[in-house]
Amino acid sequence: MNNNLINDFKQSKLMNAIALHDFSIENYDHKGWVNYCVQLMNQYGLIPTRMGISAPSIKSEKMKTYIREVKTLDKIDTNSVTSISLQATIHASDDSWKDYLFHCGLSYCHEKKVSFVLVFCDDIHHTLKNEINEIAKNLSQYFKPKYGYYYQRMRSKGPHCYATGTVMNLEREDEESTKIDTWGKKFRINNNYKTGDLRDIYPMNLLVNEHLNRNVLNGKTLKDFIISDQRHGALEPLDEQRFAWWVENENIPLVRESLRSSGIIIAG
């Protein structure tokens, strides 16, 4: 097949992203979540082209063609997997940094912590609120995360790196750079993030009861705070244990400042 016909899309500068955190090393159904992400790509008119798997038995950590690498999942002990990355690139390009249209990846941030991030071009699919909830719900079936969020970020600033606290194309003294670095050290390096913390306030925040029951202001729990004012957003159940807390973009600064003194926000 002519590669120019594969994923013949123009890259957008703005990227949509969903990050999932705070779940432990387990025997994940790697085939299951990989297949789900492939189905999601197909839904957006994309074909998976690149894939990378890291494990002690795999010598090279470089991304390879999806068709070749996906077969590796049948050959290795998936309990030994330390990371998996999956991409759809423009015209089947092998430049995984420059030419991706859709990226998803699972990686160990610490010996007991795992993170997952999914990133895709906004121009390819303008994702609606209910779709974000559905994606987060479906992915949660595989990973059982206790925290997560949906955000938008410019491609040039590394939306996939942002999730785990890696600074990309920012000045080191920049305020945003400091916040990203704070998250990276707390969650990925020092492993002292605790369930119930928030990285920041995002358009959608995936929460569990440890978040909602946490005291934040004058004896009020976070749940009390949310339902006390329409400007504080709205809660929607994703499953029996997880909730999506949606906050309108224009109200995020208000919510952030209202909660800052509580200590629940660690990098906002």
Protein backbone atom coordinates (compact mmCIF):
# COMPACT_ATOMS: atom_id res chain seq x y z
CA MET A 1 0.00 0.00 0.00
CA ASN A 2 1.20 3.51 -0.79
CA ASN A 3 2.32 4.99 2.51
CA ASN A 4 1.07 8.41 1.41
CA LEU A 5 -2.45 7.01 1.71
CA ILE A 6 -1.91 5.85 5.29
CA ASN A 7 -3.07 8.41 7.88
CA ASP A 8 -3.21 11.17 5.30
CA PHE A 9 -4.06 13.90 7.77
CA LYS A 10 -2.64 17.30 8.54
CA GLN A 11 -1.21 17.62 12.02
CA SER A 12 -2.88 20.07 14.33
CA LYS A 13 -0.95 22.27 16.72
CA LEU A 14 -3.43 21.65 19.53
CA MET A 15 -3.65 18.18 21.06
CA ASN A 16 -6.25 16.54 23.28
CA ALA A 17 -4.97 14.34 26.08
CA ILE A 18 -6.20 12.06 28.84
CA ALA A 19 -3.80 11.09 31.62
CA LEU A 20 -4.45 8.33 34.15
CA HIS A 21 -2.41 7.99 37.34
CA ASP A 22 -2.25 6.31 40.73
CA PHE A 23 -2.57 2.66 39.85
CA SER A 24 -0.25 -0.15 40.83
CA ILE A 25 1.78 -2.75 38.99
CA GLU A 26 -0.49 -5.65 38.15
CA ASN A 27 -0.97 -8.26 35.47
CA TYR A 28 -2.69 -5.94 33.03
CA ASP A 29 -4.62 -7.10 30.02
CA HIS A 30 -2.16 -5.46 27.65
CA LYS A 31 -3.77 -6.98 24.58
CA GLY A 32 -7.12 -5.68 25.75
CA TRP A 33 -6.16 -2.03 26.17
CA VAL A 34 -3.98 -2.07 23.05
CA ASN A 35 -6.89 -3.41 21.03
CA TYR A 36 -9.18 -0.78 22.52
CA CYS A 37 -6.79 2.01 21.52
CA VAL A 38 -6.51 0.56 18.01
CA GLN A 39 -10.29 0.58 17.77
CA LEU A 40 -10.29 4.20 18.91
CA MET A 41 -7.75 5.08 16.23
CA ASN A 42 -9.88 3.32 13.61
CA GLN A 43 -12.91 5.25 14.84
CA TYR A 44 -11.00 8.45 14.06
CA GLY A 45 -10.01 7.17 10.64
CA LEU A 46 -6.45 6.26 11.66
CA ILE A 47 -4.32 3.14 11.29
CA PRO A 48 -1.73 2.19 13.95
CA THR A 49 1.76 2.37 12.46
CA ARG A 50 4.34 2.42 15.28
CA MET A 51 4.70 0.47 18.51
CA GLY A 52 7.31 0.02 21.20
CA ILE A 53 7.50 -2.45 24.08
CA SER A 54 10.02 -2.42 26.92
CA ALA A 55 10.76 -5.49 29.01
CA PRO A 56 13.90 -7.20 30.37
CA SER A 57 13.75 -9.75 27.55
CA ILE A 58 13.64 -7.06 24.84
CA LYS A 59 17.04 -5.65 23.90
CA SER A 60 15.91 -2.64 21.87
CA GLU A 61 13.52 -0.02 23.22
CA LYS A 62 13.10 1.68 19.83
CA MET A 63 9.69 2.02 18.24
CA LYS A 64 9.07 -0.47 15.45
CA THR A 65 6.26 -1.03 12.97
CA TYR A 66 2.99 -1.85 14.65
CA ILE A 67 2.41 -4.93 12.48
CA ARG A 68 5.72 -6.39 13.65
CA GLU A 69 5.75 -5.32 17.27
CA VAL A 70 2.18 -6.20 18.22
CA LYS A 71 3.09 -9.86 17.68
CA THR A 72 5.60 -9.53 20.52
CA LEU A 73 2.73 -9.46 23.02
CA ASP A 74 2.13 -13.12 22.15
CA LYS A 75 5.76 -14.06 22.75
CA ILE A 76 6.73 -12.45 26.05
CA ASP A 77 5.64 -12.64 29.67
CA THR A 78 3.42 -9.57 29.85
CA ASN A 79 4.05 -9.41 33.60
CA SER A 80 7.57 -8.24 32.73
CA VAL A 81 6.45 -5.34 30.54
CA THR A 82 7.60 -1.94 31.82
CA SER A 83 6.18 0.23 29.04
CA ILE A 84 4.16 0.10 25.85
CA SER A 85 3.75 2.91 23.33
CA LEU A 86 1.40 2.85 20.38
CA GLN A 87 1.08 5.46 17.64
CA ALA A 88 -0.57 6.41 14.38
CA THR A 89 1.87 8.54 12.36
CA ILE A 90 1.44 10.59 9.22
CA HIS A 91 1.96 8.49 6.08
CA ALA A 92 3.32 5.67 8.26
CA SER A 93 6.34 7.80 9.15
CA ASP A 94 8.93 6.24 11.45
CA ASP A 95 9.52 9.59 13.17
CA SER A 96 7.64 8.91 16.39
CA TRP A 97 8.40 12.32 17.90
CA LYS A 98 7.64 14.57 15.00
CA ASP A 99 4.91 12.86 13.00
CA TYR A 100 2.44 11.31 15.42
CA LEU A 101 -1.28 11.99 15.11
CA PHE A 102 -2.34 9.68 17.92
CA HIS A 103 -0.18 8.46 20.78
CA CYS A 104 -0.95 6.29 23.78
CA GLY A 105 1.43 4.80 26.25
CA LEU A 106 1.73 3.02 29.56
CA SER A 107 4.90 3.38 31.60
CA TYR A 108 6.19 2.73 35.08
CA CYS A 109 6.95 6.02 36.79
CA HIS A 110 8.24 4.35 39.93
CA GLU A 111 8.65 0.80 41.13
CA LYS A 112 5.09 0.84 42.43
CA LYS A 113 3.40 3.41 40.22
CA VAL A 114 2.21 3.31 36.63
CA SER A 115 0.84 6.05 34.37
CA PHE A 116 -1.06 6.04 31.10
CA VAL A 117 -1.51 8.87 28.61
CA LEU A 118 -3.51 9.13 25.41
CA VAL A 119 -2.95 12.05 23.02
CA PHE A 120 -4.56 12.86 19.67
CA CYS A 121 -4.86 15.79 17.27
CA ASP A 122 -7.76 18.13 17.91
CA ASP A 123 -8.22 18.74 14.17
CA ILE A 124 -8.81 15.03 13.54
CA HIS A 125 -11.58 14.73 16.07
CA HIS A 126 -13.13 17.49 18.18
CA THR A 127 -13.90 15.32 21.15
CA LEU A 128 -17.06 16.05 23.09
CA LYS A 129 -17.56 15.84 26.84
CA ASN A 130 -19.49 12.57 26.73
CA GLU A 131 -16.77 11.01 24.55
CA ILE A 132 -14.05 11.99 27.03
CA ASN A 133 -16.09 10.38 29.80
CA GLU A 134 -16.57 7.23 27.72
CA ILE A 135 -12.87 6.94 26.89
CA ALA A 136 -11.87 7.49 30.53
CA LYS A 137 -14.45 4.93 31.66
CA ASN A 138 -13.31 2.32 29.14
CA LEU A 139 -9.63 2.77 29.95
CA SER A 140 -10.40 2.61 33.67
CA GLN A 141 -11.69 -0.92 33.19
CA TYR A 142 -8.14 -1.97 32.32
CA PHE A 143 -6.08 0.09 34.78
CA LYS A 144 -8.37 1.00 37.71
CA PRO A 145 -6.78 4.46 38.14
CA LYS A 146 -7.46 6.52 41.24
CA TYR A 147 -6.71 9.83 39.54
CA GLY A 148 -6.68 11.33 36.08
CA TYR A 149 -7.52 14.37 33.99
CA TYR A 150 -8.30 15.61 30.50
CA TYR A 151 -6.37 18.56 29.09
CA GLN A 152 -5.40 20.28 25.87
CA ARG A 153 -1.83 21.25 25.09
CA MET A 154 0.17 22.51 22.16
CA ARG A 155 2.06 19.78 20.33
CA SER A 156 5.32 21.74 20.58
CA LYS A 157 5.12 21.57 24.39
CA GLY A 158 4.99 17.78 24.56
CA PRO A 159 1.49 16.84 25.73
CA HIS A 160 2.57 13.20 26.19
CA CYS A 161 5.60 14.26 28.24
CA TYR A 162 3.54 16.66 30.35
CA ALA A 163 1.54 13.85 31.92
CA THR A 164 4.51 12.38 33.78
CA GLY A 165 6.15 15.71 34.61
CA THR A 166 8.73 16.14 31.86
CA VAL A 167 9.36 19.70 30.66
CA MET A 168 9.52 20.22 26.91
CA ASN A 169 10.28 23.46 25.03
CA LEU A 170 9.91 25.72 28.06
CA GLU A 171 12.47 27.89 29.81
CA ARG A 172 13.57 26.27 33.05
CA GLU A 173 12.69 29.37 35.08
CA ASP A 174 9.25 29.61 33.48
CA GLU A 175 6.38 29.33 36.01
CA GLU A 176 4.74 26.51 34.07
CA SER A 177 8.04 24.68 33.86
CA THR A 178 8.35 24.84 37.65
CA LYS A 179 4.86 23.41 38.09
CA ILE A 180 5.54 20.54 35.69
CA ASP A 181 8.82 19.80 37.44
CA THR A 182 7.07 19.83 40.83
CA TRP A 183 4.62 17.20 39.61
CA GLY A 184 7.38 15.10 38.08
CA LYS A 185 9.40 15.02 41.29
CA LYS A 186 6.41 14.34 43.52
CA PHE A 187 4.75 11.65 41.44
CA ARG A 188 7.36 10.13 39.14
CA ILE A 189 10.62 10.43 41.09
CA ASN A 190 9.95 10.68 44.82
CA ASN A 191 6.74 8.61 44.80
CA ASN A 192 5.17 10.74 47.54
CA TYR A 193 1.92 11.54 45.79
CA LYS A 194 -0.96 10.28 47.92
CA THR A 195 -4.43 9.30 46.76
CA GLY A 196 -6.70 12.30 47.21
CA ASP A 197 -4.20 14.87 45.93
CA LEU A 198 -4.85 16.90 42.80
CA ARG A 199 -2.10 17.91 40.41
CA ASP A 200 -4.09 20.96 39.32
CA ILE A 201 -7.61 21.80 38.15
CA TYR A 202 -8.41 20.62 34.62
CA PRO A 203 -11.50 20.70 32.40
CA MET A 204 -12.14 17.08 33.48
CA ASN A 205 -10.73 15.60 36.64
CA LEU A 206 -11.10 11.87 37.33
CA LEU A 207 -11.69 11.45 41.06
CA VAL A 208 -12.36 8.72 43.62
CA ASN A 209 -13.91 8.93 47.08
CA GLU A 210 -10.56 9.79 48.66
CA HIS A 211 -10.74 13.06 46.73
CA LEU A 212 -14.41 13.76 47.32
CA ASN A 213 -14.29 13.03 51.07
CA ARG A 214 -11.22 15.14 51.70
CA ASN A 215 -11.71 18.20 53.90
CA VAL A 216 -10.78 21.31 51.95
CA LEU A 217 -12.49 24.44 53.35
CA ASN A 218 -13.95 25.16 56.78
CA GLY A 219 -14.94 21.56 57.37
CA LYS A 220 -16.35 21.16 53.87
CA THR A 221 -15.34 18.18 51.79
CA LEU A 222 -14.35 18.56 48.17
CA LYS A 223 -17.74 17.13 47.22
CA ASP A 224 -19.45 19.76 49.39
CA PHE A 225 -17.36 22.44 47.71
CA ILE A 226 -18.26 21.25 44.21
CA ILE A 227 -22.01 21.11 44.76
CA SER A 228 -22.11 24.42 46.68
CA ASP A 229 -21.74 26.61 43.57
CA GLN A 230 -22.42 26.00 39.89
CA ARG A 231 -19.15 27.73 39.09
CA HIS A 232 -17.35 24.91 40.91
CA GLY A 233 -18.32 22.44 38.21
CA ALA A 234 -20.33 19.23 38.20
CA LEU A 235 -19.79 15.58 39.09
CA GLU A 236 -20.74 12.73 36.80
CA PRO A 237 -20.27 9.04 37.72
CA LEU A 238 -18.00 7.02 35.43
CA ASP A 239 -18.35 3.73 37.27
CA GLU A 240 -18.92 2.53 40.82
CA GLN A 241 -15.64 3.99 42.08
CA ARG A 242 -14.74 6.85 39.75
CA PHE A 243 -16.26 10.24 38.96
CA ALA A 244 -15.66 12.87 36.30
CA TRP A 245 -15.49 16.38 37.74
CA TRP A 246 -16.01 18.86 34.91
CA VAL A 247 -15.08 22.51 35.36
CA GLU A 248 -15.72 25.17 32.73
CA ASN A 249 -12.47 26.66 31.43
CA GLU A 250 -13.42 30.17 32.52
CA ASN A 251 -14.02 28.97 36.09
CA ILE A 252 -10.77 26.99 36.52
CA PRO A 253 -8.83 29.99 37.97
CA LEU A 254 -11.60 30.60 40.51
CA VAL A 255 -11.72 26.96 41.59
CA ARG A 256 -7.93 26.75 41.77
CA GLU A 257 -7.61 29.83 43.96
CA SER A 258 -10.52 28.77 46.18
CA LEU A 259 -8.83 25.45 46.91
CA ARG A 260 -5.21 26.59 47.03
CA SER A 261 -5.08 27.09 50.82
CA SER A 262 -6.42 23.56 51.41
CA GLY A 263 -3.22 21.94 50.16
CA ILE A 264 -5.09 19.54 47.90
CA ILE A 265 -3.48 21.06 44.78
CA ILE A 266 0.19 20.16 44.59
CA ALA A 267 1.36 21.66 41.29
CA GLY A 268 -1.15 24.29 40.24
